[in-house]
Structure formats: C-alpha cells, structure tokens
PDB file of N, CA and C in Angstrom:
ATOM      1  N   LEU A   1      -0.011  60.595 -44.207  1.00  0.00           N
ATOM      2  CA  LEU A   1       0.107  59.082 -43.771  1.00  0.00           C
ATOM      3  C   LEU A   1       1.283  58.287 -44.258  1.00  0.00           C
ATOM      4  N   GLU A   2       1.685  58.665 -45.328  1.00  0.00           N
ATOM      5  CA  GLU A   2       2.465  58.054 -46.079  1.00  0.00           C
ATOM      6  C   GLU A   2       4.084  58.104 -45.576  1.00  0.00           C
ATOM      7  N   ALA A   3       4.019  59.297 -44.879  1.00  0.00           N
ATOM      8  CA  ALA A   3       5.196  59.311 -44.143  1.00  0.00           C
ATOM      9  C   ALA A   3       5.384  58.612 -42.814  1.00  0.00           C
ATOM     10  N   VAL A   4       4.056  58.152 -42.318  1.00  0.00           N
ATOM     11  CA  VAL A   4       4.092  57.261 -41.198  1.00  0.00           C
ATOM     12  C   VAL A   4       4.650  56.066 -41.662  1.00  0.00           C
ATOM     13  N   TRP A   5       4.066  55.617 -42.688  1.00  0.00           N
ATOM     14  CA  TRP A   5       4.510  54.123 -43.329  1.00  0.00           C
ATOM     15  C   TRP A   5       5.921  54.185 -43.526  1.00  0.00           C
ATOM     16  N   ARG A   6       6.554  55.337 -44.100  1.00  0.00           N
ATOM     17  CA  ARG A   6       7.927  55.133 -44.570  1.00  0.00           C
ATOM     18  C   ARG A   6       8.793  55.243 -43.198  1.00  0.00           C
ATOM     19  N   PHE A   7       8.252  56.030 -41.924  1.00  0.00           N
ATOM     20  CA  PHE A   7       9.221  56.179 -41.037  1.00  0.00           C
ATOM     21  C   PHE A   7       9.059  54.707 -40.260  1.00  0.00           C
ATOM     22  N   ALA A   8       7.973  54.026 -40.206  1.00  0.00           N
ATOM     23  CA  ALA A   8       7.949  52.651 -39.658  1.00  0.00           C
ATOM     24  C   ALA A   8       8.735  51.884 -40.543  1.00  0.00           C
ATOM     25  N   GLU A   9       8.858  51.802 -41.539  1.00  0.00           N
ATOM     26  CA  GLU A   9       9.790  51.048 -42.636  1.00  0.00           C
ATOM     27  C   GLU A   9      11.100  51.246 -42.189  1.00  0.00           C
ATOM     28  N   ALA A  10      11.607  52.444 -41.977  1.00  0.00           N
ATOM     29  CA  ALA A  10      12.914  52.852 -41.715  1.00  0.00           C
ATOM     30  C   ALA A  10      13.373  52.131 -40.337  1.00  0.00           C
ATOM     31  N   LEU A  11      12.291  52.066 -39.318  1.00  0.00           N
ATOM     32  CA  LEU A  11      12.574  51.609 -38.048  1.00  0.00           C
ATOM     33  C   LEU A  11      12.386  50.107 -38.182  1.00  0.00           C
ATOM     34  N   GLY A  12      11.984  49.463 -39.113  1.00  0.00           N
ATOM     35  CA  GLY A  12      11.658  48.132 -38.928  1.00  0.00           C
ATOM     36  C   GLY A  12      10.644  47.889 -38.684  1.00  0.00           C
ATOM     37  N   VAL A  13       9.343  48.475 -38.358  1.00  0.00           N
ATOM     38  CA  VAL A  13       8.482  48.259 -37.690  1.00  0.00           C
ATOM     39  C   VAL A  13       7.140  48.109 -38.737  1.00  0.00           C
ATOM     40  N   ASP A  14       6.710  46.956 -38.379  1.00  0.00           N
ATOM     41  CA  ASP A  14       5.410  46.374 -39.334  1.00  0.00           C
ATOM     42  C   ASP A  14       4.117  46.921 -38.858  1.00  0.00           C
ATOM     43  N   ILE A  15       3.194  47.958 -39.605  1.00  0.00           N
ATOM     44  CA  ILE A  15       2.022  48.374 -38.925  1.00  0.00           C
ATOM     45  C   ILE A  15       1.032  47.273 -39.229  1.00  0.00           C
ATOM     46  N   ARG A  16       0.179  46.788 -38.345  1.00  0.00           N
ATOM     47  CA  ARG A  16      -0.539  45.385 -38.681  1.00  0.00           C
ATOM     48  C   ARG A  16      -2.021  46.033 -38.348  1.00  0.00           C
ATOM     49  N   GLY A  17      -2.291  46.956 -37.827  1.00  0.00           N
ATOM     50  CA  GLY A  17      -3.745  47.338 -37.473  1.00  0.00           C
ATOM     51  C   GLY A  17      -3.834  48.969 -36.787  1.00  0.00           C
ATOM     52  N   ALA A  18      -4.804  49.539 -37.081  1.00  0.00           N
ATOM     53  CA  ALA A  18      -5.187  50.616 -36.500  1.00  0.00           C
ATOM     54  C   ALA A  18      -6.358  50.537 -35.733  1.00  0.00           C
ATOM     55  N   ILE A  19      -6.331  51.146 -34.314  1.00  0.00           N
ATOM     56  CA  ILE A  19      -7.473  51.303 -33.434  1.00  0.00           C
ATOM     57  C   ILE A  19      -7.952  52.832 -33.093  1.00  0.00           C
ATOM     58  N   TYR A  20      -9.217  53.162 -33.812  1.00  0.00           N
ATOM     59  CA  TYR A  20      -9.639  54.589 -33.243  1.00  0.00           C
ATOM     60  C   TYR A  20     -10.401  54.446 -32.227  1.00  0.00           C
ATOM     61  N   THR A  21      -9.869  55.277 -31.373  1.00  0.00           N
ATOM     62  CA  THR A  21     -10.580  55.473 -29.879  1.00  0.00           C
ATOM     63  C   THR A  21     -12.154  56.492 -29.936  1.00  0.00           C
ATOM     64  N   HIS A  22     -12.115  57.285 -31.053  1.00  0.00           N
ATOM     65  CA  HIS A  22     -13.226  57.831 -31.243  1.00  0.00           C
ATOM     66  C   HIS A  22     -13.552  58.402 -32.425  1.00  0.00           C
ATOM     67  N   ALA A  23     -14.745  59.123 -32.952  1.00  0.00           N
ATOM     68  CA  ALA A  23     -15.108  59.261 -34.022  1.00  0.00           C
ATOM     69  C   ALA A  23     -14.815  60.872 -34.706  1.00  0.00           C
ATOM     70  N   HIS A  24     -14.308  61.651 -33.760  1.00  0.00           N
ATOM     71  CA  HIS A  24     -13.883  63.073 -34.221  1.00  0.00           C
ATOM     72  C   HIS A  24     -13.030  63.007 -35.373  1.00  0.00           C
ATOM     73  N   ALA A  25     -13.370  63.856 -36.298  1.00  0.00           N
ATOM     74  CA  ALA A  25     -12.498  63.728 -37.649  1.00  0.00           C
ATOM     75  C   ALA A  25     -11.056  63.761 -37.674  1.00  0.00           C
ATOM     76  N   ASP A  26     -10.548  64.645 -36.667  1.00  0.00           N
ATOM     77  CA  ASP A  26      -9.169  64.755 -36.496  1.00  0.00           C
ATOM     78  C   ASP A  26      -8.452  63.677 -35.812  1.00  0.00           C
ATOM     79  N   HIS A  27      -9.260  62.571 -35.694  1.00  0.00           N
ATOM     80  CA  HIS A  27      -8.519  61.222 -35.053  1.00  0.00           C
ATOM     81  C   HIS A  27      -9.070  60.250 -35.971  1.00  0.00           C
ATOM     82  N   ALA A  28     -10.118  60.230 -36.473  1.00  0.00           N
ATOM     83  CA  ALA A  28     -10.459  58.868 -37.334  1.00  0.00           C
ATOM     84  C   ALA A  28     -10.751  59.423 -38.744  1.00  0.00           C
ATOM     85  N   GLY A  29     -10.497  60.708 -39.146  1.00  0.00           N
ATOM     86  CA  GLY A  29     -10.439  61.351 -40.368  1.00  0.00           C
ATOM     87  C   GLY A  29     -11.806  61.208 -40.959  1.00  0.00           C
ATOM     88  N   GLY A  30     -11.988  61.810 -42.370  1.00  0.00           N
ATOM     89  CA  GLY A  30     -13.108  62.106 -43.069  1.00  0.00           C
ATOM     90  C   GLY A  30     -13.184  63.858 -42.923  1.00  0.00           C
ATOM     91  N   MET A  31     -14.260  64.190 -43.912  1.00  0.00           N
ATOM     92  CA  MET A  31     -14.210  65.587 -44.081  1.00  0.00           C
ATOM     93  C   MET A  31     -13.249  66.460 -44.517  1.00  0.00           C
ATOM     94  N   GLY A  32     -12.383  65.580 -45.425  1.00  0.00           N
ATOM     95  CA  GLY A  32     -11.399  66.245 -45.842  1.00  0.00           C
ATOM     96  C   GLY A  32      -9.986  65.882 -45.123  1.00  0.00           C
ATOM     97  N   VAL A  33     -10.335  65.156 -43.846  1.00  0.00           N
ATOM     98  CA  VAL A  33      -8.909  64.676 -43.021  1.00  0.00           C
ATOM     99  C   VAL A  33      -8.372  63.401 -43.451  1.00  0.00           C
ATOM    100  N   PRO A  34      -7.360  63.195 -43.842  1.00  0.00           N
ATOM    101  CA  PRO A  34      -6.696  61.952 -43.840  1.00  0.00           C
ATOM    102  C   PRO A  34      -7.157  61.027 -42.473  1.00  0.00           C
ATOM    103  N   GLY A  35      -7.413  59.513 -42.894  1.00  0.00           N
ATOM    104  CA  GLY A  35      -7.541  58.692 -41.575  1.00  0.00           C
ATOM    105  C   GLY A  35      -7.898  57.212 -42.089  1.00  0.00           C
ATOM    106  N   CYS A  36      -9.166  56.937 -41.251  1.00  0.00           N
ATOM    107  CA  CYS A  36      -9.421  55.276 -41.621  1.00  0.00           C
ATOM    108  C   CYS A  36      -9.531  54.959 -43.006  1.00  0.00           C
ATOM    109  N   ARG A  37      -9.851  55.886 -43.849  1.00  0.00           N
ATOM    110  CA  ARG A  37     -10.025  55.245 -45.326  1.00  0.00           C
ATOM    111  C   ARG A  37      -8.648  55.176 -45.750  1.00  0.00           C
ATOM    112  N   GLU A  38      -7.917  56.143 -45.553  1.00  0.00           N
ATOM    113  CA  GLU A  38      -6.577  56.109 -46.265  1.00  0.00           C
ATOM    114  C   GLU A  38      -5.632  54.772 -45.373  1.00  0.00           C
ATOM    115  N   VAL A  39      -5.780  54.584 -44.276  1.00  0.00           N
ATOM    116  CA  VAL A  39      -4.983  53.472 -43.599  1.00  0.00           C
ATOM    117  C   VAL A  39      -5.577  52.173 -44.137  1.00  0.00           C
ATOM    118  N   HIS A  40      -7.119  52.154 -44.196  1.00  0.00           N
ATOM    119  CA  HIS A  40      -7.373  50.784 -44.784  1.00  0.00           C
ATOM    120  C   HIS A  40      -7.095  50.823 -46.429  1.00  0.00           C
ATOM    121  N   GLY A  41      -6.611  51.950 -47.256  1.00  0.00           N
ATOM    122  CA  GLY A  41      -6.080  51.767 -48.449  1.00  0.00           C
ATOM    123  C   GLY A  41      -4.634  51.069 -48.437  1.00  0.00           C
ATOM    124  N   PHE A  42      -3.973  51.355 -47.267  1.00  0.00           N
ATOM    125  CA  PHE A  42      -2.761  50.755 -47.254  1.00  0.00           C
ATOM    126  C   PHE A  42      -2.695  49.081 -46.975  1.00  0.00           C
ATOM    127  N   GLY A  43      -3.797  48.716 -46.993  1.00  0.00           N
ATOM    128  CA  GLY A  43      -4.038  47.393 -46.494  1.00  0.00           C
ATOM    129  C   GLY A  43      -4.205  47.017 -45.191  1.00  0.00           C
ATOM    130  N   CYS A  44      -4.283  48.060 -44.376  1.00  0.00           N
ATOM    131  CA  CYS A  44      -4.133  47.905 -42.806  1.00  0.00           C
ATOM    132  C   CYS A  44      -5.527  47.531 -42.169  1.00  0.00           C
ATOM    133  N   PRO A  45      -5.827  46.612 -41.265  1.00  0.00           N
ATOM    134  CA  PRO A  45      -6.964  46.567 -40.764  1.00  0.00           C
ATOM    135  C   PRO A  45      -7.479  47.509 -39.901  1.00  0.00           C
ATOM    136  N   ILE A  46      -8.580  48.279 -39.634  1.00  0.00           N
ATOM    137  CA  ILE A  46      -8.808  49.127 -38.906  1.00  0.00           C
ATOM    138  C   ILE A  46     -10.068  48.834 -38.054  1.00  0.00           C
ATOM    139  N   SER A  47     -10.228  49.227 -36.733  1.00  0.00           N
ATOM    140  CA  SER A  47     -11.048  49.031 -35.700  1.00  0.00           C
ATOM    141  C   SER A  47     -11.711  50.172 -35.023  1.00  0.00           C
ATOM    142  N   ALA A  48     -12.654  50.325 -34.424  1.00  0.00           N
ATOM    143  CA  ALA A  48     -13.417  51.241 -33.676  1.00  0.00           C
ATOM    144  C   ALA A  48     -14.255  50.849 -32.756  1.00  0.00           C
ATOM    145  N   GLY A  49     -14.681  51.592 -31.751  1.00  0.00           N
ATOM    146  CA  GLY A  49     -15.637  51.088 -30.745  1.00  0.00           C
ATOM    147  C   GLY A  49     -17.189  50.914 -31.659  1.00  0.00           C
ATOM    148  N   GLU A  50     -18.120  49.890 -31.079  1.00  0.00           N
ATOM    149  CA  GLU A  50     -19.120  49.840 -31.719  1.00  0.00           C
ATOM    150  C   GLU A  50     -19.999  51.004 -31.794  1.00  0.00           C
ATOM    151  N   HIS A  51     -20.041  51.707 -30.902  1.00  0.00           N
ATOM    152  CA  HIS A  51     -21.017  53.103 -30.766  1.00  0.00           C
ATOM    153  C   HIS A  51     -20.666  54.383 -31.591  1.00  0.00           C
ATOM    154  N   ASP A  52     -19.778  54.250 -31.959  1.00  0.00           N
ATOM    155  CA  ASP A  52     -18.777  55.257 -32.856  1.00  0.00           C
ATOM    156  C   ASP A  52     -18.749  54.780 -34.375  1.00  0.00           C
ATOM    157  N   ALA A  53     -18.732  53.554 -34.776  1.00  0.00           N
ATOM    158  CA  ALA A  53     -18.361  52.869 -35.715  1.00  0.00           C
ATOM    159  C   ALA A  53     -19.482  53.301 -37.081  1.00  0.00           C
ATOM    160  N   GLU A  54     -20.675  53.658 -36.863  1.00  0.00           N
ATOM    161  CA  GLU A  54     -21.517  54.101 -37.890  1.00  0.00           C
ATOM    162  C   GLU A  54     -21.201  55.176 -38.304  1.00  0.00           C
ATOM    163  N   VAL A  55     -20.765  56.333 -37.742  1.00  0.00           N
ATOM    164  CA  VAL A  55     -20.353  57.652 -37.653  1.00  0.00           C
ATOM    165  C   VAL A  55     -18.985  57.531 -38.653  1.00  0.00           C
ATOM    166  N   ILE A  56     -18.074  56.927 -38.087  1.00  0.00           N
ATOM    167  CA  ILE A  56     -16.814  56.705 -38.602  1.00  0.00           C
ATOM    168  C   ILE A  56     -17.165  56.205 -40.305  1.00  0.00           C
ATOM    169  N   ARG A  57     -17.886  55.020 -40.334  1.00  0.00           N
ATOM    170  CA  ARG A  57     -17.909  54.634 -41.838  1.00  0.00           C
ATOM    171  C   ARG A  57     -18.776  55.712 -42.474  1.00  0.00           C
ATOM    172  N   HIS A  58     -19.466  56.596 -42.135  1.00  0.00           N
ATOM    173  CA  HIS A  58     -20.200  57.446 -42.735  1.00  0.00           C
ATOM    174  C   HIS A  58     -18.862  58.577 -43.193  1.00  0.00           C
ATOM    175  N   GLN A  59     -18.341  59.288 -42.273  1.00  0.00           N
ATOM    176  CA  GLN A  59     -17.832  60.571 -42.336  1.00  0.00           C
ATOM    177  C   GLN A  59     -16.314  59.784 -43.255  1.00  0.00           C
ATOM    178  N   CYS A  60     -15.853  58.509 -43.068  1.00  0.00           N
ATOM    179  CA  CYS A  60     -14.634  58.250 -44.011  1.00  0.00           C
ATOM    180  C   CYS A  60     -15.066  57.836 -45.356  1.00  0.00           C
ATOM    181  N   ALA A  61     -16.578  57.435 -45.349  1.00  0.00           N
ATOM    182  CA  ALA A  61     -16.788  56.813 -46.693  1.00  0.00           C
ATOM    183  C   ALA A  61     -16.130  55.536 -46.971  1.00  0.00           C
ATOM    184  N   LEU A  62     -16.307  54.654 -46.017  1.00  0.00           N
ATOM    185  CA  LEU A  62     -15.752  53.230 -45.715  1.00  0.00           C
ATOM    186  C   LEU A  62     -16.386  52.252 -46.538  1.00  0.00           C
ATOM    187  N   PRO A  63     -15.876  51.330 -47.195  1.00  0.00           N
ATOM    188  CA  PRO A  63     -16.769  50.230 -47.965  1.00  0.00           C
ATOM    189  C   PRO A  63     -17.172  49.419 -46.907  1.00  0.00           C
ATOM    190  N   ASP A  64     -18.121  48.574 -46.857  1.00  0.00           N
ATOM    191  CA  ASP A  64     -18.826  47.554 -46.329  1.00  0.00           C
ATOM    192  C   ASP A  64     -17.672  46.684 -45.837  1.00  0.00           C
ATOM    193  N   GLY A  65     -17.678  46.348 -44.536  1.00  0.00           N
ATOM    194  CA  GLY A  65     -16.907  45.316 -43.927  1.00  0.00           C
ATOM    195  C   GLY A  65     -15.236  45.930 -43.815  1.00  0.00           C
ATOM    196  N   ALA A  66     -15.058  47.144 -44.039  1.00  0.00           N
ATOM    197  CA  ALA A  66     -13.772  47.736 -43.809  1.00  0.00           C
ATOM    198  C   ALA A  66     -13.334  47.811 -42.199  1.00  0.00           C
ATOM    199  N   LEU A  67     -14.435  48.203 -41.584  1.00  0.00           N
ATOM    200  CA  LEU A  67     -14.139  48.624 -39.991  1.00  0.00           C
ATOM    201  C   LEU A  67     -14.788  47.460 -39.165  1.00  0.00           C
ATOM    202  N   ARG A  68     -13.900  47.062 -38.289  1.00  0.00           N
ATOM    203  CA  ARG A  68     -14.009  45.939 -37.095  1.00  0.00           C
ATOM    204  C   ARG A  68     -14.529  46.665 -35.840  1.00  0.00           C
ATOM    205  N   GLU A  69     -15.829  46.450 -35.637  1.00  0.00           N
ATOM    206  CA  GLU A  69     -16.456  47.057 -34.580  1.00  0.00           C
ATOM    207  C   GLU A  69     -15.816  46.299 -33.198  1.00  0.00           C
ATOM    208  N   LEU A  70     -15.344  47.299 -32.193  1.00  0.00           N
ATOM    209  CA  LEU A  70     -14.739  46.589 -31.039  1.00  0.00           C
ATOM    210  C   LEU A  70     -16.042  46.752 -29.776  1.00  0.00           C
ATOM    211  N   ARG A  71     -16.180  46.018 -28.886  1.00  0.00           N
ATOM    212  CA  ARG A  71     -16.947  46.030 -27.939  1.00  0.00           C
ATOM    213  C   ARG A  71     -16.545  45.928 -26.564  1.00  0.00           C
ATOM    214  N   ASP A  72     -17.267  46.726 -25.672  1.00  0.00           N
ATOM    215  CA  ASP A  72     -16.670  46.596 -24.245  1.00  0.00           C
ATOM    216  C   ASP A  72     -16.439  45.355 -23.784  1.00  0.00           C
ATOM    217  N   GLY A  73     -15.328  45.037 -23.301  1.00  0.00           N
ATOM    218  CA  GLY A  73     -14.657  43.719 -22.666  1.00  0.00           C
ATOM    219  C   GLY A  73     -13.928  43.127 -23.936  1.00  0.00           C
ATOM    220  N   ASP A  74     -13.857  43.374 -25.048  1.00  0.00           N
ATOM    221  CA  ASP A  74     -13.408  42.847 -26.034  1.00  0.00           C
ATOM    222  C   ASP A  74     -11.946  42.649 -25.706  1.00  0.00           C
ATOM    223  N   LEU A  75     -10.917  41.612 -26.291  1.00  0.00           N
ATOM    224  CA  LEU A  75      -9.521  41.539 -26.121  1.00  0.00           C
ATOM    225  C   LEU A  75      -9.015  41.463 -27.441  1.00  0.00           C
ATOM    226  N   VAL A  76      -7.973  42.341 -27.658  1.00  0.00           N
ATOM    227  CA  VAL A  76      -7.323  42.333 -28.957  1.00  0.00           C
ATOM    228  C   VAL A  76      -5.811  42.294 -28.651  1.00  0.00           C
ATOM    229  N   GLY A  77      -4.978  41.846 -29.595  1.00  0.00           N
ATOM    230  CA  GLY A  77      -3.372  41.491 -29.203  1.00  0.00           C
ATOM    231  C   GLY A  77      -2.549  42.769 -30.072  1.00  0.00           C
ATOM    232  N   LEU A  78      -1.832  43.266 -29.307  1.00  0.00           N
ATOM    233  CA  LEU A  78      -0.770  43.868 -29.661  1.00  0.00           C
ATOM    234  C   LEU A  78       0.732  43.596 -29.557  1.00  0.00           C
ATOM    235  N   GLY A  79       0.724  42.706 -30.591  1.00  0.00           N
ATOM    236  CA  GLY A  79       2.217  41.759 -30.313  1.00  0.00           C
ATOM    237  C   GLY A  79       1.919  40.628 -29.389  1.00  0.00           C
ATOM    238  N   SER A  80       2.481  40.341 -28.701  1.00  0.00           N
ATOM    239  CA  SER A  80       2.233  39.695 -27.356  1.00  0.00           C
ATOM    240  C   SER A  80       1.437  40.292 -26.288  1.00  0.00           C
ATOM    241  N   LEU A  81       1.119  41.594 -26.135  1.00  0.00           N
ATOM    242  CA  LEU A  81       0.406  42.223 -25.287  1.00  0.00           C
ATOM    243  C   LEU A  81      -1.013  42.171 -25.471  1.00  0.00           C
ATOM    244  N   PRO A  82      -1.841  41.683 -24.342  1.00  0.00           N
ATOM    245  CA  PRO A  82      -3.133  41.564 -24.579  1.00  0.00           C
ATOM    246  C   PRO A  82      -3.800  43.276 -24.325  1.00  0.00           C
ATOM    247  N   VAL A  83      -4.685  43.432 -25.028  1.00  0.00           N
ATOM    248  CA  VAL A  83      -5.431  44.874 -24.976  1.00  0.00           C
ATOM    249  C   VAL A  83      -6.835  44.737 -24.683  1.00  0.00           C
ATOM    250  N   HIS A  84      -7.272  45.291 -23.436  1.00  0.00           N
ATOM    251  CA  HIS A  84      -8.723  45.232 -23.338  1.00  0.00           C
ATOM    252  C   HIS A  84      -9.448  46.560 -23.644  1.00  0.00           C
ATOM    253  N   VAL A  85     -10.364  46.413 -24.265  1.00  0.00           N
ATOM    254  CA  VAL A  85     -11.319  47.441 -24.771  1.00  0.00           C
ATOM    255  C   VAL A  85     -12.216  47.744 -23.669  1.00  0.00           C
ATOM    256  N   LEU A  86     -12.459  49.146 -23.468  1.00  0.00           N
ATOM    257  CA  LEU A  86     -13.193  49.617 -22.569  1.00  0.00           C
ATOM    258  C   LEU A  86     -14.283  50.780 -22.846  1.00  0.00           C
ATOM    259  N   HIS A  87     -15.383  50.537 -23.208  1.00  0.00           N
ATOM    260  CA  HIS A  87     -16.307  51.770 -23.841  1.00  0.00           C
ATOM    261  C   HIS A  87     -16.264  52.582 -22.629  1.00  0.00           C
ATOM    262  N   THR A  88     -16.013  53.965 -22.901  1.00  0.00           N
ATOM    263  CA  THR A  88     -16.018  55.010 -22.005  1.00  0.00           C
ATOM    264  C   THR A  88     -16.689  56.176 -22.780  1.00  0.00           C
ATOM    265  N   PRO A  89     -17.957  56.251 -22.587  1.00  0.00           N
ATOM    266  CA  PRO A  89     -18.605  57.272 -23.330  1.00  0.00           C
ATOM    267  C   PRO A  89     -18.234  58.678 -22.764  1.00  0.00           C
ATOM    268  N   GLY A  90     -18.618  59.667 -23.186  1.00  0.00           N
ATOM    269  CA  GLY A  90     -18.093  61.076 -22.703  1.00  0.00           C
ATOM    270  C   GLY A  90     -17.667  61.928 -23.722  1.00  0.00           C
ATOM    271  N   HIS A  91     -16.359  61.868 -24.265  1.00  0.00           N
ATOM    272  CA  HIS A  91     -15.856  62.521 -25.290  1.00  0.00           C
ATOM    273  C   HIS A  91     -16.567  62.349 -26.587  1.00  0.00           C
ATOM    274  N   THR A  92     -16.938  61.377 -26.964  1.00  0.00           N
ATOM    275  CA  THR A  92     -17.971  60.673 -27.805  1.00  0.00           C
ATOM    276  C   THR A  92     -18.815  59.991 -27.314  1.00  0.00           C
ATOM    277  N   PRO A  93     -20.274  59.492 -27.724  1.00  0.00           N
ATOM    278  CA  PRO A  93     -20.835  58.472 -27.153  1.00  0.00           C
ATOM    279  C   PRO A  93     -20.173  57.213 -27.283  1.00  0.00           C
ATOM    280  N   GLY A  94     -19.381  56.820 -28.200  1.00  0.00           N
ATOM    281  CA  GLY A  94     -19.021  55.703 -28.536  1.00  0.00           C
ATOM    282  C   GLY A  94     -17.261  55.590 -28.240  1.00  0.00           C
ATOM    283  N   SER A  95     -16.898  56.631 -27.537  1.00  0.00           N
ATOM    284  CA  SER A  95     -15.166  56.345 -26.809  1.00  0.00           C
ATOM    285  C   SER A  95     -14.945  55.429 -26.313  1.00  0.00           C
ATOM    286  N   ILE A  96     -13.646  54.692 -26.512  1.00  0.00           N
ATOM    287  CA  ILE A  96     -13.204  53.566 -26.056  1.00  0.00           C
ATOM    288  C   ILE A  96     -11.886  54.062 -25.603  1.00  0.00           C
ATOM    289  N   CYS A  97     -11.270  53.280 -24.518  1.00  0.00           N
ATOM    290  CA  CYS A  97     -10.168  53.261 -24.081  1.00  0.00           C
ATOM    291  C   CYS A  97      -9.447  51.983 -24.200  1.00  0.00           C
ATOM    292  N   LEU A  98      -8.134  52.098 -24.051  1.00  0.00           N
ATOM    293  CA  LEU A  98      -7.475  50.620 -24.703  1.00  0.00           C
ATOM    294  C   LEU A  98      -6.789  50.427 -23.195  1.00  0.00           C
ATOM    295  N   LEU A  99      -6.785  49.259 -22.726  1.00  0.00           N
ATOM    296  CA  LEU A  99      -6.151  49.027 -21.304  1.00  0.00           C
ATOM    297  C   LEU A  99      -5.017  48.008 -21.420  1.00  0.00           C
ATOM    298  N   LEU A 100      -3.814  48.293 -21.455  1.00  0.00           N
ATOM    299  CA  LEU A 100      -2.680  47.360 -21.614  1.00  0.00           C
ATOM    300  C   LEU A 100      -2.391  46.741 -20.577  1.00  0.00           C
ATOM    301  N   SER A 101      -2.619  45.516 -20.284  1.00  0.00           N
ATOM    302  CA  SER A 101      -2.326  44.791 -18.935  1.00  0.00           C
ATOM    303  C   SER A 101      -0.990  44.919 -18.431  1.00  0.00           C
ATOM    304  N   GLY A 102      -0.744  45.570 -17.363  1.00  0.00           N
ATOM    305  CA  GLY A 102       0.645  45.796 -16.756  1.00  0.00           C
ATOM    306  C   GLY A 102       1.337  47.061 -17.200  1.00  0.00           C
ATOM    307  N   VAL A 103       0.593  47.613 -18.165  1.00  0.00           N
ATOM    308  CA  VAL A 103       1.189  48.927 -18.944  1.00  0.00           C
ATOM    309  C   VAL A 103       0.748  50.222 -18.727  1.00  0.00           C
ATOM    310  N   GLY A 104      -0.656  50.054 -18.607  1.00  0.00           N
ATOM    311  CA  GLY A 104      -1.486  51.295 -18.417  1.00  0.00           C
ATOM    312  C   GLY A 104      -2.516  51.509 -19.563  1.00  0.00           C
ATOM    313  N   ALA A 105      -3.228  52.697 -19.611  1.00  0.00           N
ATOM    314  CA  ALA A 105      -4.116  52.923 -20.408  1.00  0.00           C
ATOM    315  C   ALA A 105      -3.903  53.822 -21.731  1.00  0.00           C
ATOM    316  N   LEU A 106      -4.484  53.608 -22.883  1.00  0.00           N
ATOM    317  CA  LEU A 106      -4.347  54.485 -23.799  1.00  0.00           C
ATOM    318  C   LEU A 106      -5.743  55.055 -24.172  1.00  0.00           C
ATOM    319  N   THR A 107      -6.001  56.412 -23.956  1.00  0.00           N
ATOM    320  CA  THR A 107      -7.158  57.017 -23.641  1.00  0.00           C
ATOM    321  C   THR A 107      -7.531  57.894 -24.968  1.00  0.00           C
ATOM    322  N   PRO A 108      -8.703  58.564 -25.238  1.00  0.00           N
ATOM    323  CA  PRO A 108      -8.955  58.913 -26.252  1.00  0.00           C
ATOM    324  C   PRO A 108      -8.380  60.476 -26.316  1.00  0.00           C
ATOM    325  N   ARG A 109      -7.856  60.928 -25.398  1.00  0.00           N
ATOM    326  CA  ARG A 109      -7.126  62.184 -25.265  1.00  0.00           C
ATOM    327  C   ARG A 109      -5.775  61.923 -25.129  1.00  0.00           C
ATOM    328  N   GLY A 110      -5.337  60.715 -25.153  1.00  0.00           N
ATOM    329  CA  GLY A 110      -3.762  60.556 -25.425  1.00  0.00           C
ATOM    330  C   GLY A 110      -3.276  59.965 -24.116  1.00  0.00           C
TER     331      GLY A 110
END
C-alpha cells in the first residue's frame, strides 16, 4: 500500500478516503492481507457497507470508530461528483455498489 501512496503523490493526487465494497479479505484486508487497517494507519478515512462492517472490523482488527458504515441510499462525495450507495447483497451479504451519477457504477467485481 505504501507504493499506492507514493504513486498518488507522484501524480499529485490526494487520497482522501477508501470505500470497501465487500468484506472478502482480498478486498478489505485482514488475515495477513493488507487493507483497511493499513489504509486507516495512513490517516485515511475508511468506509464499507453496514451489513459487512462487523466482519471487516473483526478480520482487520480495526479500532472502534475507525470504519464508517454506509447504508443503502447514502450519498457520499468524490470530489464534486455525488456517489450513491446501493446495497447489493449476493457476492457477500453486505456488498455495495457505488453509482456515480452520469458516469456509471463501481461494483464489487470491478
């Protein structure tokens, strides 16, 4: 993850948050895989769907208050773009998709 921060810095990009679309360790981290805990360690706010939040907290050993829970219908900002949170269970019980108005969707599978 340090390489991601260095790359962003080289591009002049400021990473201001991370949203995890589901709880699998290969996405959110935990069980020896870097992820939420390390991103939080960089001082970056982290968020995930409310129905996967407890699994992520446990597998990543996150401190209380470290993970913002997103609910179906929430609106979060990505710069000037509004991002709509959609609860889309299936891949995991708490999977979410992110809909960028006028742009398209970011899904748990890319």
